[in-house]
Protein backbone atom coordinates (compact mmCIF):
# COMPACT_ATOMS: atom_id res chain seq x y z
CA MET A 1 -1.30 24.79 23.41
CA ASN A 2 -4.04 22.32 22.49
CA PRO A 3 -3.26 19.16 20.50
CA PRO A 4 -4.59 19.07 16.93
CA PRO A 5 -8.10 17.68 16.60
CA VAL A 6 -8.33 13.97 15.87
CA ALA A 7 -10.00 13.23 12.55
CA ALA A 8 -13.18 11.21 12.70
CA ILE A 9 -12.69 7.67 11.45
CA THR A 10 -14.58 7.21 8.20
CA PRO A 11 -16.14 3.89 7.19
CA GLN A 12 -13.49 3.66 4.44
CA ALA A 13 -10.58 3.98 6.91
CA ALA A 14 -12.18 1.37 9.19
CA MET A 15 -12.60 -1.02 6.24
CA LEU A 16 -8.98 -0.46 5.12
CA ALA A 17 -7.77 -1.27 8.63
CA ARG A 18 -9.85 -4.49 8.68
CA VAL A 19 -8.38 -5.66 5.36
CA HIS A 20 -4.87 -4.65 6.44
CA ALA A 21 -5.27 -6.69 9.64
CA THR A 22 -6.09 -9.82 7.63
CA ALA A 23 -3.02 -9.40 5.44
CA PHE A 24 -0.27 -8.49 7.93
CA ALA A 25 1.23 -9.88 11.12
CA PRO A 26 0.24 -7.96 14.28
CA LEU A 27 3.39 -5.81 14.44
CA HIS A 28 2.89 -4.71 10.83
CA ARG A 29 -0.82 -3.84 10.97
CA TRP A 30 -2.06 -0.29 10.62
CA ASP A 31 -5.13 0.65 12.64
CA ALA A 32 -8.06 2.82 11.57
CA PRO A 33 -6.56 6.11 12.88
CA ALA A 34 -3.37 5.44 10.89
CA MET A 35 -5.42 4.68 7.78
CA GLN A 36 -7.48 7.82 8.30
CA ALA A 37 -4.32 9.92 8.59
CA LEU A 38 -3.12 8.53 5.25
CA VAL A 39 -6.48 8.96 3.53
CA ASP A 40 -6.47 12.60 4.63
CA MET A 41 -2.96 13.36 3.29
CA PRO A 42 -2.70 15.47 0.12
CA GLY A 43 -1.94 13.46 -3.00
CA VAL A 44 -2.98 10.10 -1.50
CA PHE A 45 -5.39 7.85 -3.36
CA THR A 46 -6.75 4.38 -2.69
CA LEU A 47 -7.79 1.76 -5.22
CA LEU A 48 -10.11 -1.02 -4.05
CA ALA A 49 -10.79 -4.57 -5.17
CA PRO A 50 -14.53 -4.82 -4.43
CA GLN A 51 -15.70 -7.95 -2.65
CA GLY A 52 -19.35 -7.11 -2.25
CA ARG A 53 -21.38 -6.15 0.80
CA GLY A 54 -19.48 -2.83 0.93
CA ASP A 55 -16.22 -4.54 1.77
CA SER A 56 -13.02 -5.06 -0.18
CA ALA A 57 -10.85 -8.07 -1.00
CA GLY A 58 -7.85 -5.78 -1.13
CA PHE A 59 -6.55 -2.31 -1.73
CA ILE A 60 -3.51 -0.32 -2.69
CA MET A 61 -2.80 3.12 -1.29
CA ALA A 62 -0.32 5.45 -2.95
CA ARG A 63 0.60 9.08 -3.25
CA THR A 64 2.03 11.20 -5.98
CA VAL A 65 4.25 14.23 -5.45
CA PHE A 66 5.33 15.96 -8.64
CA ASP A 67 6.86 13.28 -10.90
CA GLU A 68 7.36 10.60 -8.22
CA ALA A 69 4.85 8.25 -6.67
CA GLU A 70 5.07 5.86 -3.74
CA ILE A 71 2.99 2.87 -2.71
CA LEU A 72 2.24 3.47 0.95
CA THR A 73 0.59 0.15 1.66
CA PHE A 74 -0.90 -2.72 -0.30
CA ALA A 75 -3.02 -5.53 1.12
CA VAL A 76 -5.04 -8.44 -0.20
CA ASP A 77 -7.15 -10.50 2.18
CA PRO A 78 -5.58 -14.00 2.32
CA ALA A 79 -8.96 -15.55 1.44
CA TRP A 80 -8.80 -13.73 -1.91
CA ARG A 81 -5.13 -14.28 -2.80
CA ARG A 82 -3.86 -16.11 -5.88
CA GLN A 83 -6.75 -14.81 -7.98
CA GLY A 84 -4.94 -11.94 -9.71
CA ILE A 85 -6.32 -9.26 -7.38
CA GLY A 86 -2.89 -8.00 -6.32
CA ARG A 87 -1.60 -7.96 -9.88
CA ASP A 88 -4.70 -6.05 -11.01
CA LEU A 89 -4.45 -3.50 -8.20
CA LEU A 90 -0.76 -2.94 -8.93
CA ALA A 91 -1.39 -2.46 -12.66
CA ARG A 92 -4.22 -0.01 -11.93
CA CYS A 93 -1.94 1.90 -9.57
CA VAL A 94 0.82 2.15 -12.18
CA ARG A 95 -1.67 3.44 -14.75
CA SER A 96 -3.09 5.95 -12.30
CA VAL A 97 0.25 7.44 -11.26
CA ALA A 98 1.40 7.54 -14.89
CA GLN A 99 -1.75 9.44 -15.86
CA GLY A 100 -0.97 11.83 -13.01
CA GLY A 101 2.46 12.57 -14.44
CA ALA A 102 4.69 10.33 -12.31
CA THR A 103 7.76 8.92 -14.02
CA SER A 104 8.87 6.71 -11.09
CA LEU A 105 6.98 4.57 -8.60
CA PHE A 106 8.69 3.51 -5.36
CA LEU A 107 7.81 1.12 -2.55
CA GLU A 108 9.30 -0.68 0.43
CA VAL A 109 8.71 -4.38 0.93
CA ALA A 110 9.91 -6.76 3.62
CA GLN A 111 12.99 -8.58 2.43
CA ASP A 112 11.49 -11.91 3.54
CA ASN A 113 8.16 -11.42 1.70
CA ALA A 114 8.87 -13.68 -1.28
CA PRO A 115 5.35 -13.53 -2.82
CA ALA A 116 5.32 -9.72 -2.81
CA LEU A 117 8.87 -9.53 -4.18
CA ALA A 118 7.88 -11.87 -7.01
CA LEU A 119 4.81 -9.75 -7.79
CA TYR A 120 6.82 -6.54 -7.90
CA ARG A 121 9.65 -8.02 -9.95
CA GLY A 122 7.10 -9.48 -12.37
CA ALA A 123 5.66 -5.98 -12.80
CA GLY A 124 9.07 -4.57 -13.66
CA PHE A 125 10.22 -3.17 -10.32
CA ALA A 126 13.93 -3.34 -9.50
CA GLN A 127 15.57 -3.13 -6.10
CA VAL A 128 17.35 0.20 -5.67
CA GLY A 129 18.11 0.14 -1.96
CA LEU A 130 17.88 -1.63 1.38
CA ARG A 131 16.63 -0.17 4.66
CA ARG A 132 18.02 -2.09 7.60
CA ASP A 133 15.69 -2.79 10.55
CA TYR A 134 12.91 -0.89 8.78
CA TYR A 135 9.96 -2.80 10.20
CA PRO A 136 8.98 -3.00 13.90
CA ASP A 137 10.17 -6.61 14.14
CA GLY A 138 13.61 -5.70 12.78
CA THR A 139 13.05 -7.01 9.26
CA ASP A 140 14.91 -5.18 6.51
CA ALA A 141 13.01 -3.50 3.68
CA CYS A 142 13.92 -3.64 0.01
CA VAL A 143 13.38 -0.29 -1.68
CA MET A 144 12.08 -0.93 -5.17
CA GLN A 145 11.48 1.36 -8.12
CA LEU A 146 9.55 1.13 -11.35
CA THR A 147 10.47 3.61 -14.07
CA ILE A 148 7.29 4.54 -15.89
């Protein structure tokens, strides 16, 4: 049996991987093939924070299945942080999934990522679970939910 064909890496997936690499430690980075696999999944959408020159200062990637949505990954280039980009992307994502019929939005975030936790709590997310040793470095993940 032959392995499934590998999808060609689009310029968008390559750009998402570049931004992700600026925002995450090496063990947490997703490469271009991983981004392409997500982009190609049914129900997945990506919102960008344009930077100019065809690049992005950040993005949020989510998927909706029936009445639930999940943020798959969310990254803002450190050079562009503290300018409201993350807050804007998150608000746009909430609006988008609500328009698509979702009544809940979930995410996982590293328990030691205080800035992200503050952003999510400020947007109305509440912790609904904990996943021990979720990340490759052994960090726990807080499972958070926003009821829309």
